[in-house]
């Protein structure tokens, strides 16, 4: 599955740039987006 590898690398880059500096995890993001979408 060569096509998946660049996508996974991009997701890891996004996580390290956007979530990790703030001590957040993908589950934190998912909960926050779920809360936003419920309103």
PDB file of N, CA and C in Angstrom:
ATOM      1  N   UNK A   1       0.829  -1.195   0.000  1.00  0.00           N
ATOM      2  CA  UNK A   1       0.000   0.000   0.000  1.00  0.00           C
ATOM      3  C   UNK A   1       0.871   1.255   0.000  1.00  0.00           C
ATOM      4  N   UNK A   2       1.501   1.507  -1.054  1.00  0.00           N
ATOM      5  CA  UNK A   2       2.399   2.648  -1.156  1.00  0.00           C
ATOM      6  C   UNK A   2       1.639   3.968  -1.029  1.00  0.00           C
ATOM      7  N   UNK A   3       0.443   4.044  -1.549  1.00  0.00           N
ATOM      8  CA  UNK A   3      -0.326   5.292  -1.519  1.00  0.00           C
ATOM      9  C   UNK A   3      -0.652   5.738  -0.097  1.00  0.00           C
ATOM     10  N   UNK A   4      -0.730   4.823   0.834  1.00  0.00           N
ATOM     11  CA  UNK A   4      -1.083   5.178   2.213  1.00  0.00           C
ATOM     12  C   UNK A   4       0.080   5.801   2.969  1.00  0.00           C
ATOM     13  N   UNK A   5       1.290   5.423   2.631  1.00  0.00           N
ATOM     14  CA  UNK A   5       2.447   5.888   3.388  1.00  0.00           C
ATOM     15  C   UNK A   5       2.598   7.406   3.386  1.00  0.00           C
ATOM     16  N   UNK A   6       2.479   8.086   2.223  1.00  0.00           N
ATOM     17  CA  UNK A   6       2.580   9.555   2.265  1.00  0.00           C
ATOM     18  C   UNK A   6       1.463  10.189   3.092  1.00  0.00           C
ATOM     19  N   UNK A   7       0.274   9.606   3.025  1.00  0.00           N
ATOM     20  CA  UNK A   7      -0.844  10.133   3.803  1.00  0.00           C
ATOM     21  C   UNK A   7      -0.569  10.000   5.295  1.00  0.00           C
ATOM     22  N   UNK A   8      -0.073   8.858   5.714  1.00  0.00           N
ATOM     23  CA  UNK A   8       0.244   8.657   7.132  1.00  0.00           C
ATOM     24  C   UNK A   8       1.349   9.598   7.580  1.00  0.00           C
ATOM     25  N   UNK A   9       2.316   9.838   6.708  1.00  0.00           N
ATOM     26  CA  UNK A   9       3.392  10.771   7.049  1.00  0.00           C
ATOM     27  C   UNK A   9       2.846  12.181   7.210  1.00  0.00           C
ATOM     28  N   UNK A  10       1.920  12.570   6.354  1.00  0.00           N
ATOM     29  CA  UNK A  10       1.314  13.908   6.465  1.00  0.00           C
ATOM     30  C   UNK A  10       0.493  14.036   7.738  1.00  0.00           C
ATOM     31  N   UNK A  11      -0.228  12.992   8.092  1.00  0.00           N
ATOM     32  CA  UNK A  11      -1.001  13.022   9.335  1.00  0.00           C
ATOM     33  C   UNK A  11      -0.084  13.127  10.545  1.00  0.00           C
ATOM     34  N   UNK A  12       1.024  12.421  10.522  1.00  0.00           N
ATOM     35  CA  UNK A  12       1.981  12.497  11.626  1.00  0.00           C
ATOM     36  C   UNK A  12       2.585  13.888  11.720  1.00  0.00           C
ATOM     37  N   UNK A  13       2.873  14.508  10.574  1.00  0.00           N
ATOM     38  CA  UNK A  13       3.408  15.870  10.564  1.00  0.00           C
ATOM     39  C   UNK A  13       2.393  16.846  11.130  1.00  0.00           C
ATOM     40  N   UNK A  14       1.139  16.704  10.713  1.00  0.00           N
ATOM     41  CA  UNK A  14       0.086  17.587  11.214  1.00  0.00           C
ATOM     42  C   UNK A  14      -0.092  17.421  12.721  1.00  0.00           C
ATOM     43  N   UNK A  15      -0.079  16.189  13.191  1.00  0.00           N
ATOM     44  CA  UNK A  15      -0.228  15.953  14.628  1.00  0.00           C
ATOM     45  C   UNK A  15       0.927  16.569  15.399  1.00  0.00           C
ATOM     46  N   UNK A  16       2.143  16.406  14.910  1.00  0.00           N
ATOM     47  CA  UNK A  16       3.292  16.945  15.640  1.00  0.00           C
ATOM     48  C   UNK A  16       3.319  18.465  15.614  1.00  0.00           C
ATOM     49  N   UNK A  17       2.742  19.075  14.583  1.00  0.00           N
ATOM     50  CA  UNK A  17       2.747  20.538  14.489  1.00  0.00           C
ATOM     51  C   UNK A  17       1.552  21.181  15.183  1.00  0.00           C
ATOM     52  N   UNK A  18       0.407  20.516  15.145  1.00  0.00           N
ATOM     53  CA  UNK A  18      -0.825  21.149  15.620  1.00  0.00           C
ATOM     54  C   UNK A  18      -1.326  20.644  16.971  1.00  0.00           C
ATOM     55  N   UNK A  19      -1.081  19.396  17.290  1.00  0.00           N
ATOM     56  CA  UNK A  19      -1.617  18.838  18.532  1.00  0.00           C
ATOM     57  C   UNK A  19      -0.558  18.682  19.616  1.00  0.00           C
ATOM     58  N   UNK A  20       0.556  18.072  19.266  1.00  0.00           N
ATOM     59  CA  UNK A  20       1.589  17.754  20.264  1.00  0.00           C
ATOM     60  C   UNK A  20       2.092  18.961  21.054  1.00  0.00           C
ATOM     61  N   UNK A  21       2.320  20.127  20.429  1.00  0.00           N
ATOM     62  CA  UNK A  21       2.827  21.262  21.219  1.00  0.00           C
ATOM     63  C   UNK A  21       1.881  21.699  22.341  1.00  0.00           C
ATOM     64  N   UNK A  22       0.608  21.355  22.201  1.00  0.00           N
ATOM     65  CA  UNK A  22      -0.384  21.764  23.193  1.00  0.00           C
ATOM     66  C   UNK A  22      -0.798  20.613  24.103  1.00  0.00           C
ATOM     67  N   UNK A  23      -0.119  19.482  23.979  1.00  0.00           N
ATOM     68  CA  UNK A  23      -0.431  18.327  24.811  1.00  0.00           C
ATOM     69  C   UNK A  23      -1.749  17.668  24.453  1.00  0.00           C
ATOM     70  N   UNK A  24      -2.187  17.828  23.218  1.00  0.00           N
ATOM     71  CA  UNK A  24      -3.455  17.258  22.780  1.00  0.00           C
ATOM     72  C   UNK A  24      -3.232  15.957  22.027  1.00  0.00           C
ATOM     73  N   UNK A  25      -4.275  15.144  21.997  1.00  0.00           N
ATOM     74  CA  UNK A  25      -4.248  13.892  21.246  1.00  0.00           C
ATOM     75  C   UNK A  25      -5.368  13.929  20.213  1.00  0.00           C
ATOM     76  N   UNK A  26      -5.354  13.017  19.261  1.00  0.00           N
ATOM     77  CA  UNK A  26      -6.462  12.964  18.310  1.00  0.00           C
ATOM     78  C   UNK A  26      -7.823  12.779  18.999  1.00  0.00           C
ATOM     79  N   UNK A  27      -7.855  12.080  20.119  1.00  0.00           N
ATOM     80  CA  UNK A  27      -9.135  11.914  20.820  1.00  0.00           C
ATOM     81  C   UNK A  27      -9.621  13.234  21.407  1.00  0.00           C
ATOM     82  N   UNK A  28      -8.696  14.088  21.881  1.00  0.00           N
ATOM     83  CA  UNK A  28      -9.098  15.418  22.340  1.00  0.00           C
ATOM     84  C   UNK A  28      -9.731  16.200  21.193  1.00  0.00           C
ATOM     85  N   UNK A  29      -9.097  16.148  20.037  1.00  0.00           N
ATOM     86  CA  UNK A  29      -9.611  16.851  18.862  1.00  0.00           C
ATOM     87  C   UNK A  29     -10.980  16.317  18.466  1.00  0.00           C
ATOM     88  N   UNK A  30     -11.136  15.010  18.482  1.00  0.00           N
ATOM     89  CA  UNK A  30     -12.405  14.396  18.117  1.00  0.00           C
ATOM     90  C   UNK A  30     -13.519  14.822  19.076  1.00  0.00           C
ATOM     91  N   UNK A  31     -13.224  14.860  20.369  1.00  0.00           N
ATOM     92  CA  UNK A  31     -14.230  15.299  21.345  1.00  0.00           C
ATOM     93  C   UNK A  31     -14.610  16.755  21.134  1.00  0.00           C
ATOM     94  N   UNK A  32     -13.613  17.609  20.882  1.00  0.00           N
ATOM     95  CA  UNK A  32     -13.887  19.029  20.670  1.00  0.00           C
ATOM     96  C   UNK A  32     -14.734  19.237  19.421  1.00  0.00           C
ATOM     97  N   UNK A  33     -14.397  18.552  18.342  1.00  0.00           N
ATOM     98  CA  UNK A  33     -15.182  18.693  17.113  1.00  0.00           C
ATOM     99  C   UNK A  33     -16.591  18.143  17.292  1.00  0.00           C
ATOM    100  N   UNK A  34     -16.727  17.072  18.050  1.00  0.00           N
ATOM    101  CA  UNK A  34     -18.054  16.533  18.340  1.00  0.00           C
ATOM    102  C   UNK A  34     -18.895  17.517  19.127  1.00  0.00           C
ATOM    103  N   UNK A  35     -18.278  18.197  20.073  1.00  0.00           N
ATOM    104  CA  UNK A  35     -18.986  19.211  20.860  1.00  0.00           C
ATOM    105  C   UNK A  35     -19.426  20.370  19.976  1.00  0.00           C
ATOM    106  N   UNK A  36     -18.554  20.800  19.092  1.00  0.00           N
ATOM    107  CA  UNK A  36     -18.884  21.895  18.174  1.00  0.00           C
ATOM    108  C   UNK A  36     -20.041  21.495  17.266  1.00  0.00           C
ATOM    109  N   UNK A  37     -19.993  20.286  16.732  1.00  0.00           N
ATOM    110  CA  UNK A  37     -21.026  19.839  15.793  1.00  0.00           C
ATOM    111  C   UNK A  37     -22.372  19.606  16.473  1.00  0.00           C
ATOM    112  N   UNK A  38     -22.384  19.441  17.782  1.00  0.00           N
ATOM    113  CA  UNK A  38     -23.648  19.194  18.474  1.00  0.00           C
ATOM    114  C   UNK A  38     -24.449  20.474  18.703  1.00  0.00           C
ATOM    115  N   UNK A  39     -23.841  21.622  18.435  1.00  0.00           N
ATOM    116  CA  UNK A  39     -24.539  22.891  18.664  1.00  0.00           C
ATOM    117  C   UNK A  39     -24.998  23.509  17.395  1.00  0.00           C
TER     118      UNK A  39
END
